[in-house]
Each structure stands twice: as C-alpha cells, then as structure tokens.
N, C-alpha and C. Protein backbone atom coordinates (compact mmCIF):
# COMPACT_ATOMS: atom_id res chain seq x y z
N MET A 1 -12.54 33.55 113.98
CA MET A 1 -11.25 32.71 113.81
C MET A 1 -11.31 32.07 112.46
N ASN A 2 -12.49 31.58 112.07
CA ASN A 2 -12.56 30.92 110.76
C ASN A 2 -12.25 31.91 109.63
N ARG A 3 -12.66 33.14 109.81
CA ARG A 3 -12.44 34.16 108.80
C ARG A 3 -10.92 34.46 108.67
N LEU A 4 -10.15 34.47 109.79
CA LEU A 4 -8.77 34.68 109.79
C LEU A 4 -8.04 33.51 109.04
N ILE A 5 -8.45 32.33 109.38
CA ILE A 5 -7.82 31.16 108.71
C ILE A 5 -8.19 31.24 107.21
N LEU A 6 -9.38 31.63 106.76
CA LEU A 6 -9.69 31.76 105.39
C LEU A 6 -8.88 32.82 104.68
N LEU A 7 -8.72 33.90 105.31
CA LEU A 7 -7.94 35.03 104.80
C LEU A 7 -6.49 34.61 104.63
N LEU A 8 -5.91 33.95 105.62
CA LEU A 8 -4.54 33.45 105.53
C LEU A 8 -4.38 32.47 104.37
N GLY A 9 -5.42 31.57 104.27
CA GLY A 9 -5.34 30.62 103.17
C GLY A 9 -5.44 31.20 101.84
N LEU A 10 -6.26 32.29 101.64
CA LEU A 10 -6.27 32.99 100.44
C LEU A 10 -4.99 33.65 100.05
N MET A 11 -4.28 34.20 101.09
CA MET A 11 -3.01 34.88 100.84
C MET A 11 -1.96 33.94 100.40
N VAL A 12 -1.94 32.75 100.97
CA VAL A 12 -0.97 31.74 100.59
C VAL A 12 -1.31 31.23 99.21
N ALA A 13 -2.51 31.04 98.88
CA ALA A 13 -2.95 30.55 97.57
C ALA A 13 -2.77 31.56 96.50
N SER A 14 -2.74 32.84 96.88
CA SER A 14 -2.66 33.91 95.84
C SER A 14 -1.38 34.74 96.09
N PRO A 15 -0.24 34.39 95.60
CA PRO A 15 0.99 35.14 95.87
C PRO A 15 0.96 36.50 95.40
N GLY A 16 0.05 36.81 94.38
CA GLY A 16 -0.02 38.18 93.89
C GLY A 16 -0.52 39.16 94.90
N LEU A 17 -1.35 38.61 95.87
CA LEU A 17 -1.74 39.50 96.93
C LEU A 17 -0.63 40.08 97.77
N LEU A 18 0.52 39.35 97.86
CA LEU A 18 1.63 39.81 98.63
C LEU A 18 2.70 40.41 97.83
N ALA A 19 2.41 40.64 96.58
CA ALA A 19 3.44 41.19 95.61
C ALA A 19 3.86 42.59 96.18
N THR A 20 5.13 42.89 96.05
CA THR A 20 5.67 44.16 96.50
C THR A 20 6.19 44.93 95.37
N GLU A 21 6.15 46.17 95.47
CA GLU A 21 6.71 46.99 94.38
C GLU A 21 8.25 46.93 94.52
N ARG A 22 8.97 46.82 93.43
CA ARG A 22 10.29 46.85 93.36
C ARG A 22 10.70 48.22 92.89
N VAL A 23 11.81 48.78 93.46
CA VAL A 23 12.26 49.99 93.00
C VAL A 23 13.68 49.83 92.33
N TYR A 24 13.84 50.34 91.12
CA TYR A 24 15.09 50.13 90.35
C TYR A 24 15.63 51.49 90.15
N GLN A 25 16.96 51.52 89.90
CA GLN A 25 17.70 52.65 89.45
C GLN A 25 18.72 52.20 88.42
N ALA A 26 18.91 52.99 87.38
CA ALA A 26 19.90 52.67 86.29
C ALA A 26 20.53 53.89 85.77
N ASN A 27 21.70 53.79 85.20
CA ASN A 27 22.42 54.83 84.54
C ASN A 27 21.97 54.89 83.08
N VAL A 28 21.65 56.11 82.64
CA VAL A 28 21.30 56.31 81.23
C VAL A 28 22.19 57.32 80.58
N GLU A 29 22.96 56.93 79.62
CA GLU A 29 23.81 57.86 78.89
C GLU A 29 23.14 58.26 77.59
N GLY A 30 23.36 59.54 77.31
CA GLY A 30 22.79 60.12 75.99
C GLY A 30 21.62 61.10 76.22
N MET A 31 21.17 61.22 77.52
CA MET A 31 20.07 62.14 77.77
C MET A 31 20.66 63.55 77.88
N VAL A 32 20.15 64.52 77.13
CA VAL A 32 20.67 65.85 77.24
C VAL A 32 19.62 66.92 77.50
N CYS A 33 18.28 66.54 77.34
CA CYS A 33 17.26 67.55 77.50
C CYS A 33 15.99 66.89 78.03
N ALA A 34 14.96 67.72 78.31
CA ALA A 34 13.73 67.24 78.79
C ALA A 34 12.99 66.30 77.81
N PHE A 35 13.22 66.52 76.49
CA PHE A 35 12.61 65.57 75.50
C PHE A 35 13.28 64.23 75.64
N CYS A 36 14.60 64.19 75.92
CA CYS A 36 15.23 62.90 76.15
C CYS A 36 14.66 62.20 77.37
N ALA A 37 14.42 62.97 78.41
CA ALA A 37 13.90 62.40 79.71
C ALA A 37 12.42 61.85 79.45
N TYR A 38 11.70 62.54 78.58
CA TYR A 38 10.34 62.12 78.24
C TYR A 38 10.49 60.79 77.46
N SER A 39 11.37 60.68 76.58
CA SER A 39 11.44 59.55 75.68
C SER A 39 11.83 58.28 76.58
N VAL A 40 12.79 58.49 77.44
CA VAL A 40 13.20 57.40 78.38
C VAL A 40 12.01 57.02 79.22
N SER A 41 11.33 57.97 79.79
CA SER A 41 10.14 57.64 80.69
C SER A 41 9.12 56.91 79.94
N ARG A 42 8.76 57.32 78.66
CA ARG A 42 7.78 56.68 77.90
C ARG A 42 8.11 55.25 77.57
N ASP A 43 9.48 55.00 77.28
CA ASP A 43 9.88 53.61 76.91
C ASP A 43 9.78 52.72 78.23
N LEU A 44 10.19 53.31 79.37
CA LEU A 44 10.10 52.55 80.62
C LEU A 44 8.63 52.28 80.95
N ALA A 45 7.75 53.16 80.77
CA ALA A 45 6.35 53.03 81.11
C ALA A 45 5.69 51.89 80.30
N GLY A 46 6.32 51.54 79.19
CA GLY A 46 5.78 50.50 78.43
C GLY A 46 6.09 49.11 78.92
N LEU A 47 6.99 48.99 79.95
CA LEU A 47 7.27 47.69 80.51
C LEU A 47 6.12 47.27 81.47
N PRO A 48 5.86 45.93 81.39
CA PRO A 48 4.82 45.47 82.33
C PRO A 48 5.13 45.72 83.79
N GLY A 49 4.14 46.26 84.44
CA GLY A 49 4.29 46.47 85.92
C GLY A 49 4.84 47.85 86.32
N VAL A 50 5.41 48.59 85.32
CA VAL A 50 6.03 49.88 85.64
C VAL A 50 4.97 51.00 85.75
N ASP A 51 4.95 51.67 86.85
CA ASP A 51 4.02 52.74 87.06
C ASP A 51 4.58 54.07 86.50
N ALA A 52 3.95 54.47 85.37
CA ALA A 52 4.45 55.70 84.63
C ALA A 52 4.58 56.90 85.50
N ASP A 53 3.69 57.03 86.49
CA ASP A 53 3.74 58.29 87.38
C ASP A 53 4.84 58.17 88.35
N LEU A 54 5.47 57.08 88.51
CA LEU A 54 6.54 56.91 89.52
C LEU A 54 7.95 56.77 88.87
N ILE A 55 8.10 57.24 87.64
CA ILE A 55 9.38 57.23 87.03
C ILE A 55 10.00 58.66 87.28
N GLU A 56 11.24 58.62 87.73
CA GLU A 56 11.96 59.84 88.02
C GLU A 56 13.26 59.81 87.17
N VAL A 57 13.53 60.93 86.43
CA VAL A 57 14.69 61.00 85.65
C VAL A 57 15.46 62.16 86.12
N ASP A 58 16.75 61.98 86.39
CA ASP A 58 17.70 62.98 86.79
C ASP A 58 18.63 63.26 85.65
N LEU A 59 18.37 64.31 84.92
CA LEU A 59 19.33 64.67 83.72
C LEU A 59 20.72 64.90 84.20
N ALA A 60 20.91 65.63 85.27
CA ALA A 60 22.27 65.99 85.73
C ALA A 60 23.11 64.82 85.97
N ASP A 61 22.54 63.77 86.74
CA ASP A 61 23.31 62.62 87.07
C ASP A 61 23.18 61.48 86.08
N GLY A 62 22.19 61.63 85.13
CA GLY A 62 22.03 60.55 84.15
C GLY A 62 21.41 59.30 84.77
N LYS A 63 20.56 59.50 85.73
CA LYS A 63 20.00 58.30 86.42
C LYS A 63 18.45 58.31 86.19
N VAL A 64 17.93 57.15 86.19
CA VAL A 64 16.51 56.95 86.10
C VAL A 64 16.15 56.00 87.20
N THR A 65 15.06 56.36 87.99
CA THR A 65 14.51 55.52 89.03
C THR A 65 13.05 55.27 88.74
N PHE A 66 12.66 53.95 88.92
CA PHE A 66 11.28 53.61 88.66
C PHE A 66 10.86 52.51 89.49
N GLN A 67 9.54 52.27 89.65
CA GLN A 67 8.94 51.27 90.46
C GLN A 67 8.23 50.30 89.48
N SER A 68 8.29 49.05 89.83
CA SER A 68 7.61 48.05 89.01
C SER A 68 7.12 46.97 89.89
N ALA A 69 5.87 46.42 89.53
CA ALA A 69 5.28 45.30 90.22
C ALA A 69 5.85 44.02 89.70
N GLU A 70 6.55 44.09 88.58
CA GLU A 70 7.17 42.89 87.97
C GLU A 70 8.75 43.01 88.08
N PRO A 71 9.49 41.92 88.16
CA PRO A 71 10.86 41.97 88.15
C PRO A 71 11.37 42.49 86.72
N VAL A 72 12.41 43.35 86.74
CA VAL A 72 13.04 43.90 85.55
C VAL A 72 14.52 43.56 85.54
N SER A 73 14.95 43.01 84.38
CA SER A 73 16.33 42.63 84.22
C SER A 73 17.02 43.68 83.36
N GLU A 74 18.34 43.74 83.47
CA GLU A 74 19.15 44.66 82.68
C GLU A 74 19.03 44.35 81.24
N GLU A 75 18.87 43.06 80.89
CA GLU A 75 18.62 42.65 79.49
C GLU A 75 17.35 43.25 78.94
N THR A 76 16.34 43.23 79.75
CA THR A 76 15.06 43.91 79.30
C THR A 76 15.18 45.33 79.04
N LEU A 77 15.92 45.98 79.94
CA LEU A 77 16.14 47.50 79.62
C LEU A 77 16.96 47.66 78.38
N LEU A 78 18.04 46.90 78.19
CA LEU A 78 18.87 46.99 77.05
C LEU A 78 18.00 46.77 75.76
N SER A 79 17.07 45.80 75.83
CA SER A 79 16.24 45.53 74.58
C SER A 79 15.38 46.69 74.23
N ILE A 80 14.80 47.43 75.28
CA ILE A 80 13.92 48.53 74.96
C ILE A 80 14.64 49.78 74.47
N PHE A 81 15.92 49.83 74.80
CA PHE A 81 16.66 51.02 74.57
C PHE A 81 17.60 50.84 73.30
N GLU A 82 17.68 49.65 72.74
CA GLU A 82 18.72 49.36 71.76
C GLU A 82 18.58 50.22 70.56
N LYS A 83 17.34 50.63 70.17
CA LYS A 83 17.20 51.41 68.94
C LYS A 83 17.04 52.86 69.26
N THR A 84 17.07 53.33 70.54
CA THR A 84 16.86 54.78 70.86
C THR A 84 18.10 55.65 70.87
N GLY A 85 19.28 55.06 71.03
CA GLY A 85 20.46 55.83 71.12
C GLY A 85 20.93 56.11 72.56
N TYR A 86 20.06 55.68 73.54
CA TYR A 86 20.44 55.77 74.91
C TYR A 86 21.12 54.49 75.36
N ARG A 87 22.15 54.66 76.20
CA ARG A 87 22.80 53.52 76.67
C ARG A 87 22.47 53.35 78.19
N VAL A 88 22.00 52.18 78.53
CA VAL A 88 21.49 51.82 79.89
C VAL A 88 22.42 50.88 80.51
N SER A 89 22.86 51.15 81.78
CA SER A 89 23.81 50.24 82.48
C SER A 89 23.48 50.30 83.96
N GLY A 90 24.04 49.37 84.69
CA GLY A 90 24.10 49.45 86.12
C GLY A 90 22.76 49.41 86.82
N LEU A 91 21.88 48.54 86.28
CA LEU A 91 20.52 48.40 86.86
C LEU A 91 20.71 47.73 88.19
N THR A 92 20.15 48.49 89.24
CA THR A 92 20.23 47.93 90.59
C THR A 92 18.83 48.13 91.27
N GLU A 93 18.46 47.16 92.17
CA GLU A 93 17.27 47.33 92.89
C GLU A 93 17.69 48.08 94.18
N ILE A 94 16.94 49.13 94.44
CA ILE A 94 17.29 49.95 95.61
C ILE A 94 16.21 49.98 96.63
N ASP A 95 16.49 50.41 97.82
CA ASP A 95 15.52 50.55 98.92
C ASP A 95 14.56 51.64 98.64
N ALA A 96 13.24 51.33 98.74
CA ALA A 96 12.19 52.34 98.46
C ALA A 96 12.30 53.59 99.43
N ASP A 97 12.96 53.36 100.54
CA ASP A 97 13.01 54.43 101.50
C ASP A 97 14.01 55.51 101.13
N THR A 98 14.81 55.29 100.08
CA THR A 98 15.80 56.31 99.64
C THR A 98 15.20 57.17 98.49
N LEU A 99 13.93 56.86 98.14
CA LEU A 99 13.30 57.75 97.09
C LEU A 99 12.87 59.05 97.61
N VAL A 100 12.84 60.03 96.74
CA VAL A 100 12.27 61.35 96.93
C VAL A 100 10.80 61.08 97.17
N ASP A 101 10.19 61.84 98.06
CA ASP A 101 8.76 61.66 98.36
C ASP A 101 7.99 61.93 97.12
N ASN A 102 7.20 60.89 96.64
CA ASN A 102 6.37 61.01 95.45
C ASN A 102 4.91 61.53 95.84
N ASP A 103 4.67 61.78 97.09
CA ASP A 103 3.32 62.21 97.49
C ASP A 103 3.21 63.67 97.47
N VAL A 104 3.64 64.28 96.33
CA VAL A 104 3.58 65.71 96.17
C VAL A 104 2.12 66.11 95.86
N ASP A 105 1.63 67.13 96.42
CA ASP A 105 0.29 67.60 96.20
C ASP A 105 0.36 68.59 95.03
N TYR A 106 -0.19 68.14 93.91
CA TYR A 106 -0.25 69.02 92.68
C TYR A 106 -1.62 69.64 92.52
N GLN A 107 -1.53 70.89 92.04
CA GLN A 107 -2.86 71.69 91.81
C GLN A 107 -2.91 71.98 90.33
N LEU A 108 -4.10 71.80 89.76
CA LEU A 108 -4.35 72.20 88.33
C LEU A 108 -4.30 73.67 88.26
N VAL A 109 -3.37 74.15 87.42
CA VAL A 109 -3.30 75.65 87.21
C VAL A 109 -3.66 76.11 85.85
N LEU A 110 -3.69 75.14 84.86
CA LEU A 110 -3.99 75.50 83.52
C LEU A 110 -4.70 74.31 82.85
N SER A 111 -5.82 74.56 82.26
CA SER A 111 -6.49 73.49 81.51
C SER A 111 -6.91 74.24 80.12
N LEU A 112 -6.45 73.62 79.05
CA LEU A 112 -6.60 74.23 77.74
C LEU A 112 -7.08 73.22 76.82
N THR A 113 -8.15 73.62 76.08
CA THR A 113 -8.70 72.71 74.99
C THR A 113 -8.63 73.49 73.69
N ILE A 114 -7.99 72.87 72.69
CA ILE A 114 -7.87 73.50 71.36
C ILE A 114 -8.58 72.51 70.37
N ARG A 115 -9.47 73.13 69.66
CA ARG A 115 -10.18 72.32 68.57
C ARG A 115 -9.60 72.79 67.27
N GLU A 116 -8.63 72.13 66.80
CA GLU A 116 -7.85 72.53 65.57
C GLU A 116 -7.20 71.32 64.94
N SER A 117 -7.18 71.27 63.65
CA SER A 117 -6.44 70.11 63.00
C SER A 117 -5.06 70.50 62.61
N TYR A 118 -4.63 71.71 62.89
CA TYR A 118 -3.20 72.16 62.58
C TYR A 118 -2.65 72.70 63.93
N PRO A 119 -2.12 71.79 64.79
CA PRO A 119 -1.64 72.34 66.06
C PRO A 119 -0.31 73.15 65.99
N SER A 120 0.34 73.06 64.78
CA SER A 120 1.54 73.99 64.76
C SER A 120 1.26 75.44 64.84
N LYS A 121 -0.05 75.78 64.64
CA LYS A 121 -0.40 77.24 64.80
C LYS A 121 -0.24 77.69 66.23
N PHE A 122 -0.24 76.71 67.15
CA PHE A 122 -0.19 77.02 68.58
C PHE A 122 1.12 76.69 69.24
N GLU A 123 2.18 76.65 68.49
CA GLU A 123 3.51 76.28 68.93
C GLU A 123 3.99 77.25 70.05
N ALA A 124 3.69 78.54 69.90
CA ALA A 124 4.16 79.56 70.87
C ALA A 124 3.40 79.34 72.19
N ILE A 125 2.15 78.93 72.21
CA ILE A 125 1.52 78.65 73.40
C ILE A 125 2.07 77.42 74.13
N PHE A 126 2.34 76.38 73.42
CA PHE A 126 3.01 75.19 74.01
C PHE A 126 4.43 75.48 74.49
N GLU A 127 5.15 76.29 73.86
CA GLU A 127 6.45 76.76 74.32
C GLU A 127 6.37 77.53 75.61
N SER A 128 5.39 78.35 75.68
CA SER A 128 5.11 79.13 76.94
C SER A 128 4.71 78.25 78.11
N VAL A 129 3.90 77.27 77.79
CA VAL A 129 3.47 76.32 78.89
C VAL A 129 4.74 75.56 79.35
N GLY A 130 5.56 75.13 78.36
CA GLY A 130 6.78 74.45 78.80
C GLY A 130 7.70 75.25 79.62
N ALA A 131 7.84 76.52 79.28
CA ALA A 131 8.66 77.38 80.10
C ALA A 131 8.11 77.54 81.57
N LEU A 132 6.78 77.65 81.71
CA LEU A 132 6.16 77.72 82.98
C LEU A 132 6.35 76.48 83.73
N ALA A 133 6.13 75.37 83.11
CA ALA A 133 6.35 74.08 83.76
C ALA A 133 7.79 73.82 84.22
N ALA A 134 8.73 74.35 83.45
CA ALA A 134 10.11 74.14 83.84
C ALA A 134 10.55 74.97 85.01
N GLN A 135 9.80 75.94 85.40
CA GLN A 135 10.23 76.79 86.50
C GLN A 135 10.03 76.17 87.92
N SER A 136 9.22 75.13 88.00
CA SER A 136 8.97 74.55 89.28
C SER A 136 8.60 73.07 89.11
N ARG A 137 8.40 72.34 90.17
CA ARG A 137 7.97 71.00 90.10
C ARG A 137 6.60 70.97 89.48
N SER A 138 6.47 70.16 88.44
CA SER A 138 5.23 70.17 87.65
C SER A 138 4.92 68.86 87.00
N LYS A 139 3.71 68.68 86.53
CA LYS A 139 3.41 67.54 85.73
C LYS A 139 2.28 67.92 84.78
N MET A 140 2.26 67.28 83.61
CA MET A 140 1.34 67.71 82.59
C MET A 140 0.67 66.48 82.02
N VAL A 141 -0.55 66.61 81.53
CA VAL A 141 -1.25 65.61 80.80
C VAL A 141 -1.61 66.26 79.44
N LEU A 142 -1.25 65.67 78.37
CA LEU A 142 -1.52 66.15 77.09
C LEU A 142 -2.27 65.01 76.30
N THR A 143 -3.47 65.35 75.92
CA THR A 143 -4.34 64.42 75.24
C THR A 143 -4.57 64.91 73.82
N ALA A 144 -4.09 64.11 72.84
CA ALA A 144 -4.20 64.57 71.40
C ALA A 144 -4.07 63.37 70.46
N PRO A 145 -4.36 63.53 69.22
CA PRO A 145 -4.10 62.44 68.30
C PRO A 145 -2.69 62.03 68.34
N ALA A 146 -2.40 60.73 68.29
CA ALA A 146 -1.11 60.13 68.42
C ALA A 146 -0.16 60.78 67.30
N MET A 147 -0.64 61.06 66.13
CA MET A 147 0.22 61.54 65.09
C MET A 147 0.79 62.95 65.41
N TYR A 148 0.26 63.63 66.44
CA TYR A 148 0.81 64.92 66.83
C TYR A 148 1.72 64.88 68.10
N GLU A 149 1.98 63.74 68.56
CA GLU A 149 2.78 63.58 69.85
C GLU A 149 4.08 64.42 69.77
N ASP A 150 4.89 64.07 68.76
CA ASP A 150 6.21 64.82 68.72
C ASP A 150 6.09 66.28 68.40
N ASP A 151 5.10 66.60 67.47
CA ASP A 151 4.98 68.06 67.07
C ASP A 151 4.48 68.89 68.30
N LEU A 152 3.68 68.31 69.18
CA LEU A 152 3.20 69.03 70.38
C LEU A 152 4.24 69.10 71.51
N LEU A 153 4.98 67.98 71.66
CA LEU A 153 5.90 67.95 72.75
C LEU A 153 7.19 68.65 72.51
N LYS A 154 7.62 68.77 71.30
CA LYS A 154 8.87 69.49 71.01
C LYS A 154 8.91 70.97 71.50
N PRO A 155 7.88 71.74 71.26
CA PRO A 155 8.05 73.07 71.83
C PRO A 155 7.91 73.13 73.35
N ILE A 156 7.30 72.16 73.92
CA ILE A 156 7.20 72.13 75.41
C ILE A 156 8.61 71.69 76.00
N LEU A 157 9.26 70.68 75.38
CA LEU A 157 10.40 70.00 76.00
C LEU A 157 11.74 70.32 75.41
N LEU A 158 11.78 70.38 74.09
CA LEU A 158 13.11 70.39 73.41
C LEU A 158 13.98 71.53 73.88
N GLY A 159 15.24 71.18 74.24
CA GLY A 159 16.24 72.15 74.63
C GLY A 159 16.17 72.49 76.11
N ARG A 160 15.15 72.16 76.78
CA ARG A 160 15.06 72.45 78.19
C ARG A 160 15.93 71.50 79.04
N ARG A 161 16.54 72.04 80.03
CA ARG A 161 17.43 71.28 80.93
C ARG A 161 16.76 70.80 82.19
N GLN A 162 15.50 71.14 82.37
CA GLN A 162 14.75 70.67 83.52
C GLN A 162 13.77 69.63 82.95
N VAL A 163 13.66 68.56 83.81
CA VAL A 163 12.66 67.49 83.51
C VAL A 163 11.29 68.03 83.78
N ILE A 164 10.45 67.82 82.82
CA ILE A 164 8.96 68.07 82.95
C ILE A 164 8.23 66.76 82.85
N LYS A 165 7.49 66.35 83.84
CA LYS A 165 6.74 65.05 83.78
C LYS A 165 5.61 65.23 82.88
N ILE A 166 5.45 64.51 81.81
CA ILE A 166 4.35 64.58 80.93
C ILE A 166 3.81 63.19 80.63
N ARG A 167 2.49 63.11 80.61
CA ARG A 167 1.86 61.92 80.19
C ARG A 167 1.09 62.24 78.89
N PHE A 168 1.45 61.60 77.85
CA PHE A 168 0.79 61.77 76.56
C PHE A 168 -0.33 60.72 76.43
N VAL A 169 -1.52 61.11 76.17
CA VAL A 169 -2.65 60.18 76.06
C VAL A 169 -3.18 60.30 74.66
N PRO A 170 -2.97 59.26 73.80
CA PRO A 170 -3.49 59.27 72.44
C PRO A 170 -4.96 59.41 72.49
N ALA A 171 -5.55 60.29 71.60
CA ALA A 171 -7.04 60.50 71.48
C ALA A 171 -7.55 60.15 70.13
N SER A 172 -8.75 59.67 70.08
CA SER A 172 -9.30 59.36 68.78
C SER A 172 -9.86 60.52 68.02
N ASP A 173 -10.20 61.60 68.71
CA ASP A 173 -10.74 62.79 68.13
C ASP A 173 -9.57 63.48 67.38
N GLU A 174 -9.70 63.64 66.07
CA GLU A 174 -8.59 64.17 65.24
C GLU A 174 -8.47 65.66 65.30
N GLU A 175 -9.37 66.36 66.06
CA GLU A 175 -9.26 67.85 65.98
C GLU A 175 -9.26 68.42 67.36
N THR A 176 -9.12 67.59 68.46
CA THR A 176 -9.11 68.13 69.81
C THR A 176 -7.76 67.88 70.50
N ILE A 177 -7.25 68.89 71.10
CA ILE A 177 -6.04 68.79 71.88
C ILE A 177 -6.32 69.34 73.24
N GLN A 178 -6.06 68.60 74.29
CA GLN A 178 -6.28 69.04 75.67
C GLN A 178 -4.98 68.95 76.44
N LEU A 179 -4.68 70.09 77.13
CA LEU A 179 -3.48 70.17 77.90
C LEU A 179 -3.86 70.56 79.25
N GLN A 180 -3.32 69.82 80.29
CA GLN A 180 -3.51 70.19 81.69
C GLN A 180 -2.21 70.28 82.32
N LEU A 181 -1.94 71.41 83.01
CA LEU A 181 -0.69 71.67 83.71
C LEU A 181 -0.96 71.71 85.20
N PHE A 182 -0.26 70.89 85.98
CA PHE A 182 -0.36 70.85 87.37
C PHE A 182 0.99 71.29 87.97
N LEU A 183 0.98 72.19 88.96
CA LEU A 183 2.20 72.56 89.66
C LEU A 183 2.10 72.18 91.10
N ALA A 184 3.24 71.79 91.66
CA ALA A 184 3.31 71.44 93.04
C ALA A 184 2.81 72.50 93.96
N ALA A 185 1.98 72.13 94.87
CA ALA A 185 1.35 73.08 95.81
C ALA A 185 2.40 73.63 96.68
N ALA A 186 2.31 74.99 96.95
CA ALA A 186 3.24 75.61 97.80
C ALA A 186 3.06 75.05 99.25
N GLU A 187 4.18 74.75 99.97
CA GLU A 187 4.10 74.32 101.27
C GLU A 187 3.97 75.51 102.24
N ASN A 188 3.17 75.31 103.33
CA ASN A 188 2.92 76.32 104.22
C ASN A 188 4.02 76.40 105.24
C-alpha cells in the first residue's frame, strides 16, 4: 500500500510522467516531389518533442501528420517554414486513432558502404536505390558527411512522386557513406 501511495505521489509531483503524445495535422502547399517531402520532414523533426520516425507526408493531399511530446502552435510551424517556400496552414490536433498504423515491420534489404570522397561517381546507384524504394513502402537511413546531404539525396528523391522516408545522419568520417534500405515486410 505504501508503494502505491509513493508511486501516485511521484506521478503527481512529476507531470512529465503523464505526458501524452499529441498528434497534429497541417496543410502544406508547395510540395511537388519526394525531395520536398524530405525537406518538410527534416524541418519538422527539428522541433522539440517531434519524433522524426512518425512524420507522415501525403504529397497527393498536401498534408503532413506528426506526433510531438511538446505542444506545437501554428506560429511555430510558420516560423520554421518561412524561408523554405512551403506554406503551412490549418494546424489541428487530431485523434491518434485516425492515424495509419505506424507499426509496420520493416526488413533490411540493402546495406551499402562506400568509401569515397567523390560521391557523385555513385549517382546511378543512388538513383536505382531511390527507384526501388519508391516501388513500395520503405524507409532509408543514409549516413554521410553533412556536406554531401543534398548531393546524395537528389538522385534518390528528386522528381519522384512517391514519398520515401529517409533519415540523414551526419557523419564525421569524410570518406564513408553508408546507406541502408528497409522495405515493409510482406504480410502473410
């Protein structure tokens, strides 16, 4: 009984223990391709409390849905997108039950390590990986020097009409690029 009272006391004294994830949806104008969706996701992931893995961008409808442990205001969204060319409006908090199931089982299908200081030589490979990723539900992790972010992502994303979830991880090693492609596991 004393443990129960102590636990309840700790929960009251620590409101963060009871924090709930908020789910937001907003309209985004100006997105036309997968590179746009990546840019919007990257900017949103920079907000405190936003889980980068739970950002969903719908290019066809021009909507973005994301979860955050912190409250997000429309003014905050406007401020992060004011220099990007995307127009954000209609931020609303939605019921988490309306979300598409994010518990997709992904399987690693490709792991590639390139040790090279001129990644442009491998553009055709990155374009092929992008084409493969666009064919089905996928996610990708790309680890490379920050200076190569756009050069590596453009052949993967630019011009594609399907959203490809990519997490770019800046690396300190100037000559190593690592790419991992995960595809949604086939349902039985």
